[in-house]
Amino acid sequence: MGLFSLKVDDIKEVMIEGLENEGAGVARINKMVVFVPKALVGEKVRIRITEIKKNFARGKIIEVLEKSKSRIEQKCPYYGDCGGCNLRHQNERENLKFKKQKVEVALEKVGKVKIKVDDVIPSFKNDHYRNKASFKVENSRVGYYAEGTYQLVDVEYCMLLEKEINKALEKIRCYVKNTKNNIKTITIKHGNAMDEILIDVYSVDDSDKKILDYLINNVDNLKTVIFNDKVIYGNGYINQVSNGLMFNCSAKSFFQVNDVQTEKLYSTALELADLNKEDVVLDLYCGTGTITSIVASHVKKVIGIEIVEDAVKDAKRNASINNISNVTYLCGDATKKISKIKEKVDVIIVDPPRKGVDRKAISIMKKILPKKIVYISCNPVTMARDLSYLTDLYDVKKVVPVDMFPNTAHVECVCVLNRIKPL
């Protein structure tokens, strides 16, 4: 059979050789790489070819003929279709092993960095940990898109979400099913400080604002409601506690989705930073000022930079709430604001979005030349890429993965880099 004689809807039996970066199984048919979601290493599976590209194909499991010892039965009724989590079929030990290997491969192949990666810090709980969820709405259905599609999977209960969010989802489903509406998305956040719920609604029809009365009367512990980016109930934020401090979080501002692991993540970052009372710290992509505030009591001064205006407002309010006076916040693009800093910066802490750090920002970081950089990342590939731009001036001393997202292929990392040559 020729390399390109494979056709969509062909039925094949394949052996799974490994897992790719997002957790799908990897098989080969006549040298053609085939990605098979929800397959595990060492399994023999019967698949249907669903997609063929120039250099690879995708297949869907019809039957697992020979099971891996690490395969476990999963209880989620939506797992076959939903794109919310993708490693629920593998036990925790192997999931953690996969995530460590994922970081190692990224560092070696992408970053050309040779370092012994620490074992992954496991999560306190593997379900009911997410404090935020965004749902798609279509007519009377509420849920997530199926993996790799825009086909909505109607979801009554999500095992990844905190129970308070599922309770709010149940009430919202009742409204959507029984009321004609043009709502497109609904985001629900839960604040652990006071058990509060924030609901953010987007609709193409302003008349859907009538959902407010229903939410007030039916959703427990409702703190605030946003409709089409305007606060229509409450003060616009909920409260989160992390590392002994209180944080106000609005709808658009970023806060880590796993409360318990957030404490471990930031404690790890603080330990690796090894700060002293004379240090001036720059916190890039500072969000609501979580890291900035946690670091503040250990150093002389912290400067936070964030592009989201609401997040900067939250950060300033959080500094006030926690009686922190040695922080300064700059609102704007990091590549533009970073060059305006006049102080000598001793340590840079960077926690960028999944796309990583802008090359211009990295260039300016290298001009600032702090003695240490602490890089926190939710994407090992872009982290490894960014580290490769820094290794001419910095040694990568430590890499610690943290399982912030159990039952998924995602992993957070804390990495510390020391300047090679002293000034």
Protein backbone atom coordinates (compact mmCIF):
# COMPACT_ATOMS: atom_id res chain seq x y z
CA MET A 1 0.00 0.00 0.00
CA GLY A 2 1.43 3.41 -0.93
CA LEU A 3 2.00 6.18 1.59
CA PHE A 4 -1.00 8.18 0.44
CA SER A 5 -3.38 5.32 -0.26
CA LEU A 6 -4.88 5.82 3.22
CA LYS A 7 -8.41 7.18 3.02
CA VAL A 8 -10.86 8.81 5.40
CA ASP A 9 -13.16 6.20 7.01
CA ASP A 10 -10.60 3.41 6.49
CA ILE A 11 -10.62 0.97 9.42
CA LYS A 12 -7.15 -0.01 10.66
CA GLU A 13 -5.54 -1.83 13.58
CA VAL A 14 -2.50 -0.02 14.96
CA MET A 15 -0.04 -0.15 17.89
CA ILE A 16 0.43 3.01 19.93
CA GLU A 17 4.12 3.93 20.16
CA GLY A 18 3.92 7.05 22.31
CA LEU A 19 1.94 10.14 23.26
CA GLU A 20 2.27 13.47 21.50
CA ASN A 21 2.41 16.85 23.25
CA GLU A 22 -1.37 17.12 23.77
CA GLY A 23 -1.75 13.54 25.01
CA ALA A 24 -3.00 11.77 21.87
CA GLY A 25 -1.57 8.37 21.02
CA VAL A 26 0.96 8.13 18.18
CA ALA A 27 0.83 5.23 15.69
CA ARG A 28 2.21 4.64 12.19
CA ILE A 29 0.65 3.22 9.06
CA ASN A 30 3.24 2.71 6.31
CA LYS A 31 5.42 5.50 7.77
CA MET A 32 2.44 7.86 7.99
CA VAL A 33 2.10 9.22 11.54
CA VAL A 34 -1.44 8.79 12.89
CA PHE A 35 -2.63 10.64 16.00
CA VAL A 36 -5.24 8.75 18.03
CA PRO A 37 -6.89 10.65 20.92
CA LYS A 38 -7.51 8.70 24.14
CA ALA A 39 -5.11 5.89 23.19
CA LEU A 40 -2.24 4.86 25.46
CA VAL A 41 1.31 3.67 24.90
CA GLY A 42 1.53 -0.07 24.16
CA GLU A 43 -2.13 -0.46 23.25
CA LYS A 44 -3.41 -2.18 20.14
CA VAL A 45 -6.48 -0.34 18.89
CA ARG A 46 -8.90 -0.52 16.01
CA ILE A 47 -9.42 2.96 14.60
CA ARG A 48 -11.37 4.80 11.93
CA ILE A 49 -9.35 7.37 9.95
CA THR A 50 -11.06 10.73 10.43
CA GLU A 51 -8.64 13.15 8.78
CA ILE A 52 -5.66 13.02 6.44
CA LYS A 53 -3.10 15.80 6.02
CA LYS A 54 0.11 15.95 4.01
CA ASN A 55 2.36 14.67 6.81
CA PHE A 56 0.00 13.01 9.27
CA ALA A 57 -3.46 11.55 9.81
CA ARG A 58 -5.94 11.37 12.68
CA GLY A 59 -7.98 8.42 13.82
CA LYS A 60 -10.71 7.69 16.33
CA ILE A 61 -10.79 4.59 18.50
CA ILE A 62 -13.46 2.06 17.61
CA GLU A 63 -12.20 -0.63 19.99
CA VAL A 64 -9.25 -1.15 22.32
CA LEU A 65 -7.98 -4.62 21.43
CA GLU A 66 -5.08 -4.76 23.91
CA LYS A 67 -5.34 -2.45 26.94
CA SER A 68 -2.50 -0.70 28.72
CA LYS A 69 -2.14 -1.45 32.44
CA SER A 70 -2.34 2.28 33.05
CA ARG A 71 -5.80 2.58 31.46
CA ILE A 72 -8.57 3.26 33.97
CA GLU A 73 -12.33 3.46 33.65
CA GLN A 74 -13.57 7.03 33.63
CA LYS A 75 -16.93 8.11 35.00
CA CYS A 76 -17.54 11.23 32.93
CA PRO A 77 -20.46 10.61 30.53
CA TYR A 78 -19.17 13.28 28.12
CA TYR A 79 -15.58 12.08 27.91
CA GLY A 80 -15.95 10.49 24.50
CA ASP A 81 -16.93 13.80 22.89
CA CYS A 82 -16.06 16.76 25.10
CA GLY A 83 -12.79 18.64 24.62
CA GLY A 84 -12.53 19.70 28.26
CA CYS A 85 -10.08 17.06 29.51
CA ASN A 86 -8.13 14.45 27.56
CA LEU A 87 -6.16 12.21 29.95
CA ARG A 88 -8.93 10.95 32.21
CA HIS A 89 -8.42 7.42 30.80
CA GLN A 90 -4.88 7.14 32.23
CA ASN A 91 -3.99 6.74 35.92
CA GLU A 92 -2.46 9.62 37.87
CA ARG A 93 1.01 8.10 38.15
CA GLU A 94 1.35 7.77 34.39
CA ASN A 95 -0.18 11.20 33.80
CA LEU A 96 2.46 12.79 36.02
CA LYS A 97 5.17 10.77 34.27
CA PHE A 98 3.85 11.95 30.88
CA LYS A 99 3.87 15.58 32.00
CA LYS A 100 7.45 15.37 33.25
CA GLN A 101 8.54 13.79 29.97
CA LYS A 102 6.65 16.48 28.06
CA VAL A 103 8.71 19.16 29.82
CA GLU A 104 11.95 17.24 29.27
CA VAL A 105 11.29 16.81 25.55
CA ALA A 106 10.43 20.49 25.11
CA LEU A 107 13.59 21.61 26.90
CA GLU A 108 15.82 19.23 24.95
CA LYS A 109 14.28 19.47 21.47
CA VAL A 110 13.05 23.07 21.40
CA GLY A 111 15.20 24.86 23.96
CA LYS A 112 18.40 22.81 23.54
CA VAL A 113 18.58 22.92 27.34
CA LYS A 114 20.10 20.00 29.21
CA ILE A 115 18.88 19.84 32.80
CA LYS A 116 17.40 17.28 35.17
CA VAL A 117 13.71 18.13 35.52
CA ASP A 118 12.17 17.64 38.97
CA ASP A 119 9.26 15.27 39.48
CA VAL A 120 5.86 16.90 38.97
CA ILE A 121 4.27 18.28 42.13
CA PRO A 122 0.92 16.41 42.21
CA SER A 123 -2.42 18.10 42.75
CA PHE A 124 -4.25 17.77 46.05
CA LYS A 125 -7.36 16.72 44.10
CA ASN A 126 -7.85 15.61 40.51
CA ASP A 127 -11.50 16.60 40.10
CA HIS A 128 -13.65 19.54 41.19
CA TYR A 129 -10.65 21.88 41.20
CA ARG A 130 -11.43 24.48 38.49
CA ASN A 131 -12.72 27.81 39.84
CA LYS A 132 -13.67 29.10 36.38
CA ALA A 133 -15.54 27.77 33.34
CA SER A 134 -16.74 29.32 30.08
CA PHE A 135 -19.78 27.69 28.46
CA LYS A 136 -21.10 28.02 24.93
CA VAL A 137 -24.84 28.49 24.51
CA GLU A 138 -26.89 27.44 21.47
CA ASN A 139 -30.65 27.81 21.75
CA SER A 140 -31.59 25.49 24.64
CA ARG A 141 -28.18 23.84 25.04
CA VAL A 142 -25.22 24.76 27.27
CA GLY A 143 -21.81 23.11 27.21
CA TYR A 144 -18.40 22.81 25.56
CA TYR A 145 -17.34 22.29 21.98
CA ALA A 146 -16.35 18.75 21.05
CA GLU A 147 -12.60 18.35 20.70
CA GLY A 148 -11.32 20.03 17.53
CA THR A 149 -14.80 21.10 16.35
CA TYR A 150 -17.52 23.71 16.79
CA GLN A 151 -20.09 21.03 17.63
CA LEU A 152 -21.63 21.79 21.02
CA VAL A 153 -21.73 19.02 23.62
CA ASP A 154 -24.64 19.62 26.00
CA VAL A 155 -23.16 19.32 29.52
CA GLU A 156 -25.18 18.99 32.71
CA TYR A 157 -22.27 18.47 35.11
CA CYS A 158 -18.51 18.86 34.60
CA MET A 159 -16.24 16.81 36.86
CA LEU A 160 -13.36 19.29 36.54
CA LEU A 161 -15.35 22.17 38.03
CA GLU A 162 -15.80 23.14 41.63
CA LYS A 163 -19.18 21.97 42.90
CA GLU A 164 -20.40 25.56 43.38
CA ILE A 165 -19.94 26.23 39.66
CA ASN A 166 -21.85 23.07 38.77
CA LYS A 167 -24.71 24.20 40.99
CA ALA A 168 -24.82 27.55 39.19
CA LEU A 169 -24.63 25.74 35.84
CA GLU A 170 -27.67 23.65 36.77
CA LYS A 171 -29.72 26.80 37.40
CA ILE A 172 -28.52 28.46 34.20
CA ARG A 173 -29.41 25.36 32.17
CA CYS A 174 -32.98 25.57 33.46
CA TYR A 175 -33.21 29.18 32.30
CA VAL A 176 -31.70 28.52 28.87
CA LYS A 177 -33.93 25.49 28.25
CA ASN A 178 -37.12 27.31 29.16
CA THR A 179 -36.51 30.82 27.85
CA LYS A 180 -36.08 32.00 24.29
CA ASN A 181 -32.71 33.76 24.17
CA ASN A 182 -29.75 34.84 22.03
CA ILE A 183 -27.07 34.24 24.65
CA LYS A 184 -23.75 33.04 23.18
CA THR A 185 -21.43 32.48 26.14
CA ILE A 186 -21.69 32.34 29.92
CA THR A 187 -18.62 32.37 32.17
CA ILE A 188 -18.88 31.36 35.83
CA LYS A 189 -16.19 32.07 38.44
CA HIS A 190 -16.08 30.97 42.07
CA GLY A 191 -14.24 32.91 44.77
CA ASN A 192 -12.88 30.78 47.60
CA ALA A 193 -12.56 33.59 50.14
CA MET A 194 -16.28 34.07 50.73
CA ASP A 195 -17.79 31.30 48.58
CA GLU A 196 -18.94 33.82 45.96
CA ILE A 197 -20.16 33.38 42.38
CA LEU A 198 -19.49 35.74 39.46
CA ILE A 199 -21.45 35.26 36.22
CA ASP A 200 -20.45 36.94 32.95
CA VAL A 201 -23.03 36.80 30.15
CA TYR A 202 -22.52 37.69 26.49
CA SER A 203 -25.51 38.01 24.17
CA VAL A 204 -26.24 39.50 20.74
CA ASP A 205 -29.57 40.79 22.08
CA ASP A 206 -29.75 43.33 24.91
CA SER A 207 -33.18 42.01 25.91
CA ASP A 208 -31.39 38.96 27.37
CA LYS A 209 -30.43 41.21 30.27
CA LYS A 210 -33.67 39.94 31.78
CA ILE A 211 -31.71 36.88 32.93
CA LEU A 212 -30.53 39.02 35.86
CA ASP A 213 -33.71 38.64 37.94
CA TYR A 214 -33.61 34.89 37.45
CA LEU A 215 -29.95 34.66 38.52
CA ILE A 216 -30.53 36.79 41.63
CA ASN A 217 -33.45 34.59 42.72
CA ASN A 218 -31.94 31.20 41.87
CA VAL A 219 -28.11 31.16 42.08
CA ASP A 220 -26.73 30.69 45.59
CA ASN A 221 -24.02 33.10 46.81
CA LEU A 222 -24.30 35.25 43.69
CA LYS A 223 -21.92 38.19 44.14
CA THR A 224 -21.89 39.93 40.78
CA VAL A 225 -23.25 39.71 37.21
CA ILE A 226 -21.70 41.18 34.06
CA PHE A 227 -23.73 41.52 30.86
CA ASN A 228 -21.92 42.37 27.62
CA ASP A 229 -18.93 43.73 29.57
CA LYS A 230 -21.03 45.93 31.86
CA VAL A 231 -21.58 45.26 35.56
CA ILE A 232 -25.34 45.03 36.12
CA TYR A 233 -25.32 43.52 39.61
CA GLY A 234 -22.84 43.70 42.47
CA ASN A 235 -19.46 45.42 42.40
CA GLY A 236 -17.90 43.50 39.53
CA TYR A 237 -15.54 41.19 41.37
CA ILE A 238 -15.20 38.19 43.67
CA ASN A 239 -12.56 37.44 46.31
CA GLN A 240 -9.80 34.84 46.21
CA VAL A 241 -7.39 33.87 48.99
CA SER A 242 -3.91 32.61 48.13
CA ASN A 243 -0.70 32.37 50.15
CA GLY A 244 -2.29 34.22 53.07
CA LEU A 245 -3.44 37.23 51.04
CA MET A 246 -6.80 38.42 49.72
CA PHE A 247 -7.34 39.21 46.04
CA ASN A 248 -10.21 40.93 44.22
CA CYS A 249 -10.80 39.34 40.79
CA SER A 250 -13.01 40.82 38.08
CA ALA A 251 -14.47 38.99 35.09
CA LYS A 252 -11.63 39.68 32.64
CA SER A 253 -8.67 39.54 35.00
CA PHE A 254 -6.54 36.39 35.21
CA PHE A 255 -6.33 34.21 38.30
CA GLN A 256 -5.03 30.63 38.43
CA VAL A 257 -7.90 28.13 38.08
CA ASN A 258 -6.73 25.62 40.73
CA ASP A 259 -6.88 27.24 44.18
CA VAL A 260 -4.90 24.68 46.19
CA GLN A 261 -2.21 24.18 43.54
CA THR A 262 -1.85 27.94 43.17
CA GLU A 263 -0.44 28.07 46.70
CA LYS A 264 2.06 25.33 45.83
CA LEU A 265 2.98 27.03 42.55
CA TYR A 266 3.69 30.43 44.08
CA SER A 267 5.41 28.97 47.15
CA THR A 268 7.70 27.06 44.81
CA ALA A 269 8.42 30.18 42.76
CA LEU A 270 9.15 32.18 45.92
CA GLU A 271 11.51 29.50 47.23
CA LEU A 272 13.42 29.27 43.94
CA ALA A 273 13.68 33.06 43.65
CA ASP A 274 15.66 33.17 46.93
CA LEU A 275 14.96 36.87 47.36
CA ASN A 276 16.45 39.32 49.84
CA LYS A 277 15.21 42.56 51.40
CA GLU A 278 17.31 44.75 49.10
CA ASP A 279 16.01 43.28 45.84
CA VAL A 280 13.97 45.22 43.29
CA VAL A 281 11.72 42.78 41.43
CA LEU A 282 10.00 43.20 38.07
CA ASP A 283 6.81 41.10 37.64
CA LEU A 284 5.89 40.85 33.96
CA TYR A 285 2.34 39.88 32.94
CA CYS A 286 1.37 40.46 36.58
CA GLY A 287 -2.40 39.99 36.16
CA THR A 288 -4.28 40.88 39.33
CA GLY A 289 -1.00 41.30 41.19
CA THR A 290 -0.99 37.89 42.85
CA ILE A 291 2.73 37.21 42.51
CA THR A 292 3.54 40.88 43.00
CA SER A 293 1.74 40.95 46.34
CA ILE A 294 3.16 37.61 47.53
CA VAL A 295 6.72 38.70 46.72
CA ALA A 296 6.39 42.23 48.18
CA SER A 297 7.06 41.38 51.84
CA HIS A 298 10.33 39.68 50.90
CA VAL A 299 11.93 42.53 48.90
CA LYS A 300 12.55 46.27 48.72
CA LYS A 301 10.18 46.95 45.82
CA VAL A 302 8.10 45.18 43.14
CA ILE A 303 7.08 46.65 39.77
CA GLY A 304 4.20 44.91 38.00
CA ILE A 305 3.36 45.25 34.29
CA GLU A 306 0.04 44.10 32.81
CA ILE A 307 -1.82 44.97 29.58
CA VAL A 308 -5.38 44.28 30.85
CA GLU A 309 -6.68 47.48 32.42
CA ASP A 310 -9.22 45.72 34.67
CA ALA A 311 -6.47 43.49 36.02
CA VAL A 312 -4.29 46.50 36.89
CA LYS A 313 -7.22 48.10 38.72
CA ASP A 314 -7.65 44.84 40.62
CA ALA A 315 -3.91 44.70 41.36
CA LYS A 316 -3.87 48.22 42.82
CA ARG A 317 -6.94 47.43 44.91
CA ASN A 318 -5.32 44.17 46.08
CA ALA A 319 -2.23 46.03 47.23
CA SER A 320 -4.45 48.35 49.25
CA ILE A 321 -6.51 45.48 50.73
CA ASN A 322 -3.36 43.74 51.92
CA ASN A 323 -1.67 46.96 53.16
CA ILE A 324 1.19 46.60 50.68
CA SER A 325 2.97 49.88 49.94
CA ASN A 326 6.14 48.83 48.10
CA VAL A 327 4.53 47.93 44.74
CA THR A 328 4.07 49.95 41.56
CA TYR A 329 1.89 48.94 38.60
CA LEU A 330 2.25 49.92 34.94
CA CYS A 331 -0.64 49.28 32.54
CA GLY A 332 0.26 48.52 28.94
CA ASP A 333 2.19 46.27 26.60
CA ALA A 334 5.23 44.80 28.35
CA THR A 335 7.48 45.57 25.37
CA LYS A 336 6.66 49.27 25.68
CA LYS A 337 6.43 49.68 29.44
CA ILE A 338 9.49 47.66 30.38
CA SER A 339 11.85 50.19 28.77
CA LYS A 340 10.51 52.99 31.00
CA ILE A 341 11.69 51.40 34.24
CA LYS A 342 14.49 53.47 35.78
CA GLU A 343 15.36 51.34 38.82
CA LYS A 344 18.09 48.70 38.73
CA VAL A 345 16.13 45.44 38.61
CA ASP A 346 17.65 42.50 40.52
CA VAL A 347 15.10 39.79 39.69
CA ILE A 348 12.55 39.42 36.91
CA ILE A 349 9.53 37.16 37.45
CA VAL A 350 7.63 36.39 34.27
CA ASP A 351 4.33 34.49 33.99
CA PRO A 352 3.28 34.96 30.35
CA PRO A 353 0.23 33.68 28.45
CA ARG A 354 0.52 30.40 26.51
CA LYS A 355 2.19 32.09 23.54
CA GLY A 356 5.18 32.95 25.72
CA VAL A 357 7.25 36.12 26.00
CA ASP A 358 7.49 38.58 23.12
CA ARG A 359 10.95 38.62 21.50
CA LYS A 360 11.19 42.37 22.07
CA ALA A 361 10.46 41.86 25.76
CA ILE A 362 13.16 39.19 25.96
CA SER A 363 15.62 41.56 24.30
CA ILE A 364 14.84 44.26 26.87
CA MET A 365 15.06 41.72 29.71
CA LYS A 366 18.58 40.89 28.53
CA LYS A 367 19.49 44.58 28.51
CA ILE A 368 18.20 44.94 32.07
CA LEU A 369 20.31 41.87 32.88
CA PRO A 370 18.93 40.95 36.33
CA LYS A 371 20.91 38.51 38.44
CA LYS A 372 18.00 36.06 38.26
CA ILE A 373 14.92 35.31 36.16
CA VAL A 374 12.03 33.20 37.46
CA TYR A 375 9.93 31.95 34.54
CA ILE A 376 6.46 30.51 35.27
CA SER A 377 4.78 28.86 32.30
CA CYS A 378 1.66 26.92 31.35
CA ASN A 379 3.22 25.90 28.01
CA PRO A 380 6.53 23.96 28.13
CA VAL A 381 7.11 24.43 24.38
CA THR A 382 7.03 28.24 24.39
CA MET A 383 8.92 28.26 27.70
CA ALA A 384 11.68 26.14 26.16
CA ARG A 385 11.79 28.42 23.12
CA ASP A 386 12.13 31.51 25.31
CA LEU A 387 14.83 29.89 27.45
CA SER A 388 16.85 29.22 24.29
CA TYR A 389 16.96 33.00 23.73
CA LEU A 390 18.35 33.55 27.23
CA THR A 391 20.96 30.81 27.63
CA ASP A 392 23.77 32.93 26.19
CA LEU A 393 23.58 35.04 29.35
CA TYR A 394 21.83 32.73 31.84
CA ASP A 395 22.15 29.21 33.21
CA VAL A 396 18.93 27.27 33.71
CA LYS A 397 19.36 26.06 37.30
CA LYS A 398 16.04 24.44 38.18
CA VAL A 399 12.83 23.31 36.48
CA VAL A 400 9.89 22.21 38.64
CA PRO A 401 6.63 21.08 36.94
CA VAL A 402 3.39 21.58 38.88
CA ASP A 403 0.18 19.69 38.06
CA MET A 404 -2.25 22.60 37.93
CA PHE A 405 -4.56 20.81 35.46
CA PRO A 406 -5.20 17.17 36.47
CA ASN A 407 -6.85 14.85 33.93
CA THR A 408 -5.59 17.04 31.09
CA ALA A 409 -2.32 17.12 29.13
CA HIS A 410 -1.45 20.59 30.42
CA VAL A 411 1.26 21.27 32.99
CA GLU A 412 2.62 24.38 34.69
CA CYS A 413 6.35 24.90 35.27
CA VAL A 414 8.53 27.05 37.48
CA CYS A 415 12.02 27.63 36.10
CA VAL A 416 14.87 29.66 37.61
CA LEU A 417 17.75 31.11 35.60
CA ASN A 418 20.93 32.63 37.07
CA ARG A 419 23.06 35.19 35.28
CA ILE A 420 26.27 33.55 34.06
CA LYS A 421 28.63 36.48 34.56
CA PRO A 422 28.35 38.97 37.43
CA LEU A 423 28.23 42.67 36.55
